[in-house]
Amino acid sequence: MIISPQHQFAFVHIPKCAGTSVRHQLRQCDPDHIFLGRPGEHPVLGQIDYAHIPMAQLRDHFPDYFADVQRYDAFALVRAPLDRFGSSLRQLMWQYEERPMTLIPRDELRETTLRLLDEVAAQIDNPSYQYIFFTRQSDYIFAGEEQVIDHVLPISLVPEIMDYFSTRTGVTLDRERRSNQNVELRFKSIGGLAYGVNRFVRRALPAGLHSRIKGAALKLIARKQTAAEASGLLDMPEVQDFVAEHYARDAQIFQTIAGQTENLRSQLQAAALSRIDLT
């Protein structure tokens, strides 16, 4: 989450909705910004991911920050629930099981997915920080029945969003920069090498240069499909039924926002956004 007192906006990072790409750049827009971005220990909640705090939790345990989000223009990005769920599975396997989805044999990947469905179901209403990627998108937009986020936008408009914040803040932002991308490699045998080279280049080079090199490389070695799409997981009836059951409100929100995409694009380009009521 980014809160900018200088420019009076808040960006609430919904997990697996392109938020890392936006959040990292927004940090440079305000030297006095409030940045919540890493897992850590909370005196009451225990271990949490400070980058992804649902609105009810923010209201109950971080009232000053919640008041800022209410007072300022608040932004969040949303994504189709099934695509987001596939990306969440990929992130969980990569971050906590240290196995890129693209390198796991398909039969083993299916077994792992079925196991994770049971684990997610047990935690979905109050996920631990390892499972925060599976929190409902609606929990970052609403606190109870109150819609806290003014401007809910589809991830397809990230370039226009970066242009909007460039205009609003006077800080030049890179509309093409992407972080934490979910990709499917054309040749699985180069996966280990590719991930290793990317980690080295990310540490050694400035972020903008790393982003350009990574983007050029991905055009050569990655497919247009995401890892989850290419794996076939999103075609599994068990996954589709799970998402339909547990993320029904998210699907309604995304359908409403996606239907407003062209209108929202025009508003971003004109730097004149209107609030969409999602209640």
C-alpha atoms as a PDB file:
ATOM      1  CA  MET A   1       0.000   0.000   0.000  1.00  0.00           C
ATOM      2  CA  ILE A   2       1.152   3.527  -0.806  1.00  0.00           C
ATOM      3  CA  ILE A   3      -0.317   6.599   0.906  1.00  0.00           C
ATOM      4  CA  SER A   4       0.783   9.979  -0.466  1.00  0.00           C
ATOM      5  CA  PRO A   5       0.020  12.975   1.784  1.00  0.00           C
ATOM      6  CA  GLN A   6       1.604  15.355  -0.738  1.00  0.00           C
ATOM      7  CA  HIS A   7      -0.609  14.289  -3.644  1.00  0.00           C
ATOM      8  CA  GLN A   8      -3.505  13.063  -1.501  1.00  0.00           C
ATOM      9  CA  PHE A   9      -3.968   9.608  -2.953  1.00  0.00           C
ATOM     10  CA  ALA A  10      -3.733   6.037  -1.679  1.00  0.00           C
ATOM     11  CA  PHE A  11      -2.968   2.962  -3.742  1.00  0.00           C
ATOM     12  CA  VAL A  12      -4.267  -0.252  -2.190  1.00  0.00           C
ATOM     13  CA  HIS A  13      -2.398  -3.257  -3.518  1.00  0.00           C
ATOM     14  CA  ILE A  14      -4.736  -6.192  -4.133  1.00  0.00           C
ATOM     15  CA  PRO A  15      -2.542  -9.307  -4.449  1.00  0.00           C
ATOM     16  CA  LYS A  16      -1.944 -10.644  -7.967  1.00  0.00           C
ATOM     17  CA  CYS A  17      -3.506  -7.648  -9.702  1.00  0.00           C
ATOM     18  CA  ALA A  18      -0.402  -5.982 -11.196  1.00  0.00           C
ATOM     19  CA  GLY A  19      -0.016  -3.930  -8.021  1.00  0.00           C
ATOM     20  CA  THR A  20       3.717  -4.483  -7.667  1.00  0.00           C
ATOM     21  CA  SER A  21       4.318  -2.794 -11.012  1.00  0.00           C
ATOM     22  CA  VAL A  22       2.380   0.280  -9.863  1.00  0.00           C
ATOM     23  CA  ARG A  23       3.362   0.378  -6.185  1.00  0.00           C
ATOM     24  CA  HIS A  24       7.118   0.313  -6.772  1.00  0.00           C
ATOM     25  CA  GLN A  25       6.953   3.314  -9.060  1.00  0.00           C
ATOM     26  CA  LEU A  26       4.541   5.335  -6.926  1.00  0.00           C
ATOM     27  CA  ARG A  27       7.072   5.323  -4.094  1.00  0.00           C
ATOM     28  CA  GLN A  28       9.135   7.923  -5.963  1.00  0.00           C
ATOM     29  CA  CYS A  29       6.230  10.354  -6.334  1.00  0.00           C
ATOM     30  CA  ASP A  30       6.252  11.574  -2.745  1.00  0.00           C
ATOM     31  CA  PRO A  31       9.334  11.703  -0.457  1.00  0.00           C
ATOM     32  CA  ASP A  32       7.008  11.600   2.572  1.00  0.00           C
ATOM     33  CA  HIS A  33       4.904   8.677   1.367  1.00  0.00           C
ATOM     34  CA  ILE A  34       3.755   5.920   3.704  1.00  0.00           C
ATOM     35  CA  PHE A  35       4.879   2.551   2.367  1.00  0.00           C
ATOM     36  CA  LEU A  36       3.498  -0.746   3.625  1.00  0.00           C
ATOM     37  CA  GLY A  37       5.217  -3.480   1.698  1.00  0.00           C
ATOM     38  CA  ARG A  38       6.762  -6.436   3.508  1.00  0.00           C
ATOM     39  CA  PRO A  39       5.742  -9.331   5.761  1.00  0.00           C
ATOM     40  CA  GLY A  40       6.345  -8.562   9.416  1.00  0.00           C
ATOM     41  CA  GLU A  41       5.166  -9.113  12.971  1.00  0.00           C
ATOM     42  CA  HIS A  42       2.120  -7.253  14.285  1.00  0.00           C
ATOM     43  CA  PRO A  43       1.568  -7.127  18.078  1.00  0.00           C
ATOM     44  CA  VAL A  44      -2.030  -8.353  17.796  1.00  0.00           C
ATOM     45  CA  LEU A  45      -2.339 -10.056  14.397  1.00  0.00           C
ATOM     46  CA  GLY A  46       0.998 -11.877  14.480  1.00  0.00           C
ATOM     47  CA  GLN A  47       2.829 -12.411  11.194  1.00  0.00           C
ATOM     48  CA  ILE A  48       1.129 -10.506   8.375  1.00  0.00           C
ATOM     49  CA  ASP A  49       1.971  -9.239   4.904  1.00  0.00           C
ATOM     50  CA  TYR A  50       1.934  -5.459   5.282  1.00  0.00           C
ATOM     51  CA  ALA A  51       1.761  -5.018   1.503  1.00  0.00           C
ATOM     52  CA  HIS A  52      -1.713  -6.571   1.423  1.00  0.00           C
ATOM     53  CA  ILE A  53      -3.930  -5.430   4.297  1.00  0.00           C
ATOM     54  CA  PRO A  54      -7.686  -5.916   3.707  1.00  0.00           C
ATOM     55  CA  MET A  55      -9.853  -2.906   4.487  1.00  0.00           C
ATOM     56  CA  ALA A  56     -11.625  -4.360   7.544  1.00  0.00           C
ATOM     57  CA  GLN A  57      -8.232  -5.240   9.048  1.00  0.00           C
ATOM     58  CA  LEU A  58      -6.888  -1.791   8.192  1.00  0.00           C
ATOM     59  CA  ARG A  59      -9.931  -0.188   9.868  1.00  0.00           C
ATOM     60  CA  ASP A  60      -9.641  -2.280  13.025  1.00  0.00           C
ATOM     61  CA  HIS A  61      -5.866  -2.290  13.532  1.00  0.00           C
ATOM     62  CA  PHE A  62      -4.489   0.689  11.555  1.00  0.00           C
ATOM     63  CA  PRO A  63      -7.155   3.394  12.075  1.00  0.00           C
ATOM     64  CA  ASP A  64      -4.908   6.314  11.073  1.00  0.00           C
ATOM     65  CA  TYR A  65      -4.042   4.704   7.740  1.00  0.00           C
ATOM     66  CA  PHE A  66      -7.670   3.750   7.218  1.00  0.00           C
ATOM     67  CA  ALA A  67      -8.674   7.374   7.765  1.00  0.00           C
ATOM     68  CA  ASP A  68      -6.131   8.429   5.124  1.00  0.00           C
ATOM     69  CA  VAL A  69      -7.551   5.950   2.608  1.00  0.00           C
ATOM     70  CA  GLN A  70     -11.035   7.289   3.315  1.00  0.00           C
ATOM     71  CA  ARG A  71      -9.931  10.934   3.075  1.00  0.00           C
ATOM     72  CA  TYR A  72      -7.751  10.747  -0.056  1.00  0.00           C
ATOM     73  CA  ASP A  73      -8.495   9.484  -3.569  1.00  0.00           C
ATOM     74  CA  ALA A  74      -8.132   5.718  -3.190  1.00  0.00           C
ATOM     75  CA  PHE A  75      -7.154   3.456  -6.105  1.00  0.00           C
ATOM     76  CA  ALA A  76      -7.025  -0.312  -6.638  1.00  0.00           C
ATOM     77  CA  LEU A  77      -6.642  -2.681  -9.587  1.00  0.00           C
ATOM     78  CA  VAL A  78      -8.843  -5.736 -10.185  1.00  0.00           C
ATOM     79  CA  ARG A  79      -8.543  -8.819 -12.344  1.00  0.00           C
ATOM     80  CA  ALA A  80     -10.704 -11.679 -13.623  1.00  0.00           C
ATOM     81  CA  PRO A  81     -10.992 -14.063 -10.631  1.00  0.00           C
ATOM     82  CA  LEU A  82     -10.019 -17.249 -12.487  1.00  0.00           C
ATOM     83  CA  ASP A  83      -6.887 -15.664 -13.993  1.00  0.00           C
ATOM     84  CA  ARG A  84      -5.987 -14.199 -10.617  1.00  0.00           C
ATOM     85  CA  PHE A  85      -6.430 -17.552  -8.896  1.00  0.00           C
ATOM     86  CA  GLY A  86      -4.051 -19.201 -11.346  1.00  0.00           C
ATOM     87  CA  SER A  87      -1.515 -16.456 -10.713  1.00  0.00           C
ATOM     88  CA  SER A  88      -1.957 -16.902  -6.951  1.00  0.00           C
ATOM     89  CA  LEU A  89      -1.206 -20.622  -7.248  1.00  0.00           C
ATOM     90  CA  ARG A  90       1.896 -19.842  -9.275  1.00  0.00           C
ATOM     91  CA  GLN A  91       3.051 -17.263  -6.689  1.00  0.00           C
ATOM     92  CA  LEU A  92       2.509 -19.642  -3.772  1.00  0.00           C
ATOM     93  CA  MET A  93       4.510 -22.405  -5.428  1.00  0.00           C
ATOM     94  CA  TRP A  94       7.306 -20.049  -6.420  1.00  0.00           C
ATOM     95  CA  GLN A  95       7.611 -18.021  -3.207  1.00  0.00           C
ATOM     96  CA  TYR A  96       6.991 -20.582  -0.482  1.00  0.00           C
ATOM     97  CA  GLU A  97       7.613 -23.962  -2.115  1.00  0.00           C
ATOM     98  CA  GLU A  98      10.467 -22.531  -4.234  1.00  0.00           C
ATOM     99  CA  ARG A  99       9.335 -24.336  -7.382  1.00  0.00           C
ATOM    100  CA  PRO A 100       8.398 -22.390 -10.520  1.00  0.00           C
ATOM    101  CA  MET A 101       5.087 -23.694 -11.869  1.00  0.00           C
ATOM    102  CA  THR A 102       6.581 -23.967 -15.342  1.00  0.00           C
ATOM    103  CA  LEU A 103       9.100 -26.566 -14.130  1.00  0.00           C
ATOM    104  CA  ILE A 104       6.713 -28.902 -12.248  1.00  0.00           C
ATOM    105  CA  PRO A 105       5.557 -32.033 -14.178  1.00  0.00           C
ATOM    106  CA  ARG A 106       1.891 -31.776 -15.128  1.00  0.00           C
ATOM    107  CA  ASP A 107       0.622 -34.759 -13.079  1.00  0.00           C
ATOM    108  CA  GLU A 108       2.437 -33.537  -9.992  1.00  0.00           C
ATOM    109  CA  LEU A 109       1.156 -30.025 -10.606  1.00  0.00           C
ATOM    110  CA  ARG A 110      -2.424 -31.292 -10.676  1.00  0.00           C
ATOM    111  CA  GLU A 111      -1.970 -33.168  -7.394  1.00  0.00           C
ATOM    112  CA  THR A 112      -0.384 -30.127  -5.801  1.00  0.00           C
ATOM    113  CA  THR A 113      -3.258 -27.930  -6.991  1.00  0.00           C
ATOM    114  CA  LEU A 114      -5.923 -30.221  -5.532  1.00  0.00           C
ATOM    115  CA  ARG A 115      -4.077 -30.198  -2.198  1.00  0.00           C
ATOM    116  CA  LEU A 116      -3.831 -26.408  -2.262  1.00  0.00           C
ATOM    117  CA  LEU A 117      -7.569 -26.052  -2.975  1.00  0.00           C
ATOM    118  CA  ASP A 118      -8.293 -27.740   0.347  1.00  0.00           C
ATOM    119  CA  GLU A 119      -5.757 -25.552   2.138  1.00  0.00           C
ATOM    120  CA  VAL A 120      -7.101 -22.338   0.598  1.00  0.00           C
ATOM    121  CA  ALA A 121     -10.695 -23.296   1.429  1.00  0.00           C
ATOM    122  CA  ALA A 122      -9.747 -23.738   5.090  1.00  0.00           C
ATOM    123  CA  GLN A 123      -8.219 -20.244   5.246  1.00  0.00           C
ATOM    124  CA  ILE A 124     -10.079 -18.133   2.728  1.00  0.00           C
ATOM    125  CA  ASP A 125     -12.052 -16.066   5.251  1.00  0.00           C
ATOM    126  CA  ASN A 126      -8.962 -15.304   7.341  1.00  0.00           C
ATOM    127  CA  PRO A 127      -5.842 -16.314   5.399  1.00  0.00           C
ATOM    128  CA  SER A 128      -2.390 -16.523   6.929  1.00  0.00           C
ATOM    129  CA  TYR A 129       0.250 -14.304   5.373  1.00  0.00           C
ATOM    130  CA  GLN A 130       1.487 -17.187   3.182  1.00  0.00           C
ATOM    131  CA  TYR A 131      -2.004 -17.463   1.675  1.00  0.00           C
ATOM    132  CA  ILE A 132      -2.735 -13.738   1.435  1.00  0.00           C
ATOM    133  CA  PHE A 133      -2.714 -14.013  -2.388  1.00  0.00           C
ATOM    134  CA  PHE A 134      -6.064 -15.829  -2.136  1.00  0.00           C
ATOM    135  CA  THR A 135      -7.900 -13.101  -0.215  1.00  0.00           C
ATOM    136  CA  ARG A 136     -11.006 -11.944  -2.052  1.00  0.00           C
ATOM    137  CA  GLN A 137     -10.545  -8.760  -4.071  1.00  0.00           C
ATOM    138  CA  SER A 138     -13.726  -7.395  -2.536  1.00  0.00           C
ATOM    139  CA  ASP A 139     -12.049  -7.429   0.887  1.00  0.00           C
ATOM    140  CA  TYR A 140      -9.662  -4.727  -0.340  1.00  0.00           C
ATOM    141  CA  ILE A 141     -12.460  -2.588  -1.755  1.00  0.00           C
ATOM    142  CA  PHE A 142     -14.989  -2.843   1.063  1.00  0.00           C
ATOM    143  CA  ALA A 143     -14.797  -2.667   4.850  1.00  0.00           C
ATOM    144  CA  GLY A 144     -17.986  -4.486   5.760  1.00  0.00           C
ATOM    145  CA  GLU A 145     -20.594  -2.872   3.534  1.00  0.00           C
ATOM    146  CA  GLU A 146     -18.692   0.404   3.092  1.00  0.00           C
ATOM    147  CA  GLN A 147     -16.979   0.890  -0.263  1.00  0.00           C
ATOM    148  CA  VAL A 148     -13.664   2.461   0.717  1.00  0.00           C
ATOM    149  CA  ILE A 149     -11.910   2.500  -2.679  1.00  0.00           C
ATOM    150  CA  ASP A 150     -13.054   5.316  -4.965  1.00  0.00           C
ATOM    151  CA  HIS A 151     -11.374   4.249  -8.189  1.00  0.00           C
ATOM    152  CA  VAL A 152     -11.390   0.542  -9.044  1.00  0.00           C
ATOM    153  CA  LEU A 153      -9.634  -0.081 -12.353  1.00  0.00           C
ATOM    154  CA  PRO A 154      -8.920  -3.145 -14.541  1.00  0.00           C
ATOM    155  CA  ILE A 155      -5.306  -4.282 -14.849  1.00  0.00           C
ATOM    156  CA  SER A 156      -5.524  -3.835 -18.631  1.00  0.00           C
ATOM    157  CA  LEU A 157      -5.267  -0.077 -18.033  1.00  0.00           C
ATOM    158  CA  VAL A 158      -1.925  -0.114 -16.174  1.00  0.00           C
ATOM    159  CA  PRO A 159      -0.171   1.980 -18.900  1.00  0.00           C
ATOM    160  CA  GLU A 160      -2.913   4.621 -18.736  1.00  0.00           C
ATOM    161  CA  ILE A 161      -2.813   4.523 -14.929  1.00  0.00           C
ATOM    162  CA  MET A 162       0.933   5.245 -14.935  1.00  0.00           C
ATOM    163  CA  ASP A 163       0.376   8.129 -17.361  1.00  0.00           C
ATOM    164  CA  TYR A 164      -2.357   9.454 -15.054  1.00  0.00           C
ATOM    165  CA  PHE A 165      -0.075   9.407 -12.008  1.00  0.00           C
ATOM    166  CA  SER A 166       2.719  11.018 -14.031  1.00  0.00           C
ATOM    167  CA  THR A 167       0.364  13.903 -14.823  1.00  0.00           C
ATOM    168  CA  ARG A 168      -0.993  14.098 -11.286  1.00  0.00           C
ATOM    169  CA  THR A 169       2.379  14.094  -9.528  1.00  0.00           C
ATOM    170  CA  GLY A 170       4.703  15.661 -12.104  1.00  0.00           C
ATOM    171  CA  VAL A 171       7.013  12.625 -11.790  1.00  0.00           C
ATOM    172  CA  THR A 172       7.780  10.699 -15.000  1.00  0.00           C
ATOM    173  CA  LEU A 173       6.773   7.053 -14.593  1.00  0.00           C
ATOM    174  CA  ASP A 174       7.427   4.132 -16.935  1.00  0.00           C
ATOM    175  CA  ARG A 175       4.117   2.987 -18.422  1.00  0.00           C
ATOM    176  CA  GLU A 176       5.685  -0.225 -19.794  1.00  0.00           C
ATOM    177  CA  ARG A 177       7.488  -1.427 -16.654  1.00  0.00           C
ATOM    178  CA  ARG A 178       6.169  -4.714 -15.223  1.00  0.00           C
ATOM    179  CA  SER A 179       7.136  -6.567 -12.059  1.00  0.00           C
ATOM    180  CA  ASN A 180       6.449 -10.101 -10.816  1.00  0.00           C
ATOM    181  CA  GLN A 181       5.156 -11.335 -14.175  1.00  0.00           C
ATOM    182  CA  ASN A 182       3.567 -14.758 -14.572  1.00  0.00           C
ATOM    183  CA  VAL A 183       4.970 -16.332 -17.731  1.00  0.00           C
ATOM    184  CA  GLU A 184       5.249 -19.692 -19.496  1.00  0.00           C
ATOM    185  CA  LEU A 185       8.677 -20.421 -20.983  1.00  0.00           C
ATOM    186  CA  ARG A 186       8.862 -21.846 -24.511  1.00  0.00           C
ATOM    187  CA  PHE A 187      11.647 -24.236 -23.489  1.00  0.00           C
ATOM    188  CA  LYS A 188      11.392 -25.657 -19.972  1.00  0.00           C
ATOM    189  CA  SER A 189      15.009 -26.843 -20.061  1.00  0.00           C
ATOM    190  CA  ILE A 190      16.239 -23.239 -19.832  1.00  0.00           C
ATOM    191  CA  GLY A 191      13.971 -22.383 -16.908  1.00  0.00           C
ATOM    192  CA  GLY A 192      16.558 -22.712 -14.144  1.00  0.00           C
ATOM    193  CA  LEU A 193      19.096 -20.679 -16.086  1.00  0.00           C
ATOM    194  CA  ALA A 194      16.556 -17.997 -17.026  1.00  0.00           C
ATOM    195  CA  TYR A 195      15.365 -17.493 -13.442  1.00  0.00           C
ATOM    196  CA  GLY A 196      18.962 -17.364 -12.197  1.00  0.00           C
ATOM    197  CA  VAL A 197      20.049 -14.805 -14.808  1.00  0.00           C
ATOM    198  CA  ASN A 198      16.990 -12.668 -14.054  1.00  0.00           C
ATOM    199  CA  ARG A 199      17.799 -12.609 -10.326  1.00  0.00           C
ATOM    200  CA  PHE A 200      21.411 -11.600 -11.052  1.00  0.00           C
ATOM    201  CA  VAL A 201      20.462  -8.850 -13.527  1.00  0.00           C
ATOM    202  CA  ARG A 202      17.781  -7.495 -11.167  1.00  0.00           C
ATOM    203  CA  ARG A 203      20.357  -7.101  -8.385  1.00  0.00           C
ATOM    204  CA  ALA A 204      23.107  -5.721 -10.618  1.00  0.00           C
ATOM    205  CA  LEU A 205      21.305  -3.170 -12.792  1.00  0.00           C
ATOM    206  CA  PRO A 206      19.013  -0.160 -12.233  1.00  0.00           C
ATOM    207  CA  ALA A 207      15.320  -1.091 -12.162  1.00  0.00           C
ATOM    208  CA  GLY A 208      14.469   0.655 -15.429  1.00  0.00           C
ATOM    209  CA  LEU A 209      17.280  -1.026 -17.360  1.00  0.00           C
ATOM    210  CA  HIS A 210      16.463  -4.418 -15.838  1.00  0.00           C
ATOM    211  CA  SER A 211      12.836  -3.969 -16.875  1.00  0.00           C
ATOM    212  CA  ARG A 212      13.765  -3.232 -20.495  1.00  0.00           C
ATOM    213  CA  ILE A 213      16.182  -6.166 -20.737  1.00  0.00           C
ATOM    214  CA  LYS A 214      13.657  -8.512 -19.133  1.00  0.00           C
ATOM    215  CA  GLY A 215      10.891  -7.349 -21.470  1.00  0.00           C
ATOM    216  CA  ALA A 216      13.039  -7.955 -24.542  1.00  0.00           C
ATOM    217  CA  ALA A 217      14.109 -11.388 -23.293  1.00  0.00           C
ATOM    218  CA  LEU A 218      10.566 -12.490 -22.529  1.00  0.00           C
ATOM    219  CA  LYS A 219       9.501 -11.771 -26.100  1.00  0.00           C
ATOM    220  CA  LEU A 220      12.033 -14.387 -27.185  1.00  0.00           C
ATOM    221  CA  ILE A 221      11.713 -17.100 -24.531  1.00  0.00           C
ATOM    222  CA  ALA A 222       8.146 -16.802 -23.196  1.00  0.00           C
ATOM    223  CA  ARG A 223       4.770 -17.690 -24.629  1.00  0.00           C
ATOM    224  CA  LYS A 224       1.810 -15.304 -24.605  1.00  0.00           C
ATOM    225  CA  GLN A 225       0.004 -17.661 -22.231  1.00  0.00           C
ATOM    226  CA  THR A 226       0.501 -17.401 -18.485  1.00  0.00           C
ATOM    227  CA  ALA A 227       2.026 -20.338 -16.656  1.00  0.00           C
ATOM    228  CA  ALA A 228      -1.362 -21.303 -15.216  1.00  0.00           C
ATOM    229  CA  GLU A 229      -3.040 -21.217 -18.630  1.00  0.00           C
ATOM    230  CA  ALA A 230      -0.322 -23.273 -20.257  1.00  0.00           C
ATOM    231  CA  SER A 231      -0.371 -25.851 -17.443  1.00  0.00           C
ATOM    232  CA  GLY A 232      -4.073 -26.599 -17.996  1.00  0.00           C
ATOM    233  CA  LEU A 233      -4.944 -25.851 -14.364  1.00  0.00           C
ATOM    234  CA  LEU A 234      -7.496 -23.220 -15.300  1.00  0.00           C
ATOM    235  CA  ASP A 235      -9.370 -25.845 -17.331  1.00  0.00           C
ATOM    236  CA  MET A 236      -9.746 -28.158 -14.331  1.00  0.00           C
ATOM    237  CA  PRO A 237     -13.437 -28.356 -13.277  1.00  0.00           C
ATOM    238  CA  GLU A 238     -12.325 -28.430  -9.628  1.00  0.00           C
ATOM    239  CA  VAL A 239     -10.534 -25.092 -10.024  1.00  0.00           C
ATOM    240  CA  GLN A 240     -13.352 -23.471 -11.988  1.00  0.00           C
ATOM    241  CA  ASP A 241     -15.960 -24.604  -9.440  1.00  0.00           C
ATOM    242  CA  PHE A 242     -13.798 -23.431  -6.550  1.00  0.00           C
ATOM    243  CA  VAL A 243     -13.397 -19.945  -8.010  1.00  0.00           C
ATOM    244  CA  ALA A 244     -17.097 -19.671  -8.914  1.00  0.00           C
ATOM    245  CA  GLU A 245     -18.086 -20.630  -5.358  1.00  0.00           C
ATOM    246  CA  HIS A 246     -15.584 -18.602  -3.335  1.00  0.00           C
ATOM    247  CA  TYR A 247     -15.070 -15.520  -5.516  1.00  0.00           C
ATOM    248  CA  ALA A 248     -18.597 -14.781  -6.746  1.00  0.00           C
ATOM    249  CA  ARG A 249     -18.591 -11.174  -5.530  1.00  0.00           C
ATOM    250  CA  ASP A 250     -15.200 -10.600  -7.141  1.00  0.00           C
ATOM    251  CA  ALA A 251     -16.626 -11.834 -10.443  1.00  0.00           C
ATOM    252  CA  GLN A 252     -19.488  -9.321 -10.191  1.00  0.00           C
ATOM    253  CA  ILE A 253     -17.082  -6.478  -9.404  1.00  0.00           C
ATOM    254  CA  PHE A 254     -14.756  -7.359 -12.263  1.00  0.00           C
ATOM    255  CA  GLN A 255     -17.637  -7.689 -14.726  1.00  0.00           C
ATOM    256  CA  THR A 256     -18.853  -4.202 -13.780  1.00  0.00           C
ATOM    257  CA  ILE A 257     -15.395  -2.629 -14.017  1.00  0.00           C
ATOM    258  CA  ALA A 258     -14.417  -4.450 -17.220  1.00  0.00           C
ATOM    259  CA  GLY A 259     -17.609  -3.155 -18.817  1.00  0.00           C
ATOM    260  CA  GLN A 260     -16.435   0.383 -18.072  1.00  0.00           C
ATOM    261  CA  THR A 261     -12.922  -0.065 -19.487  1.00  0.00           C
ATOM    262  CA  GLU A 262     -13.164   2.360 -22.406  1.00  0.00           C
ATOM    263  CA  ASN A 263     -14.936   4.961 -20.288  1.00  0.00           C
ATOM    264  CA  LEU A 264     -12.259   4.616 -17.607  1.00  0.00           C
ATOM    265  CA  ARG A 265      -9.515   4.892 -20.234  1.00  0.00           C
ATOM    266  CA  SER A 266     -10.969   8.195 -21.409  1.00  0.00           C
ATOM    267  CA  GLN A 267     -11.263   9.446 -17.840  1.00  0.00           C
ATOM    268  CA  LEU A 268      -7.638   8.544 -17.077  1.00  0.00           C
ATOM    269  CA  GLN A 269      -6.437  10.315 -20.215  1.00  0.00           C
ATOM    270  CA  ALA A 270      -8.449  13.397 -19.233  1.00  0.00           C
ATOM    271  CA  ALA A 271      -7.245  13.127 -15.597  1.00  0.00           C
ATOM    272  CA  ALA A 272     -10.873  13.332 -14.497  1.00  0.00           C
ATOM    273  CA  LEU A 273     -11.954  10.092 -12.796  1.00  0.00           C
ATOM    274  CA  SER A 274     -15.454   9.466 -11.480  1.00  0.00           C
ATOM    275  CA  ARG A 275     -16.255   7.035  -8.686  1.00  0.00           C
ATOM    276  CA  ILE A 276     -18.051   3.828  -9.702  1.00  0.00           C
ATOM    277  CA  ASP A 277     -20.503   2.638  -7.060  1.00  0.00           C
ATOM    278  CA  LEU A 278     -20.045  -1.121  -6.548  1.00  0.00           C
ATOM    279  CA  THR A 279     -22.460  -1.625  -3.648  1.00  0.00           C
END
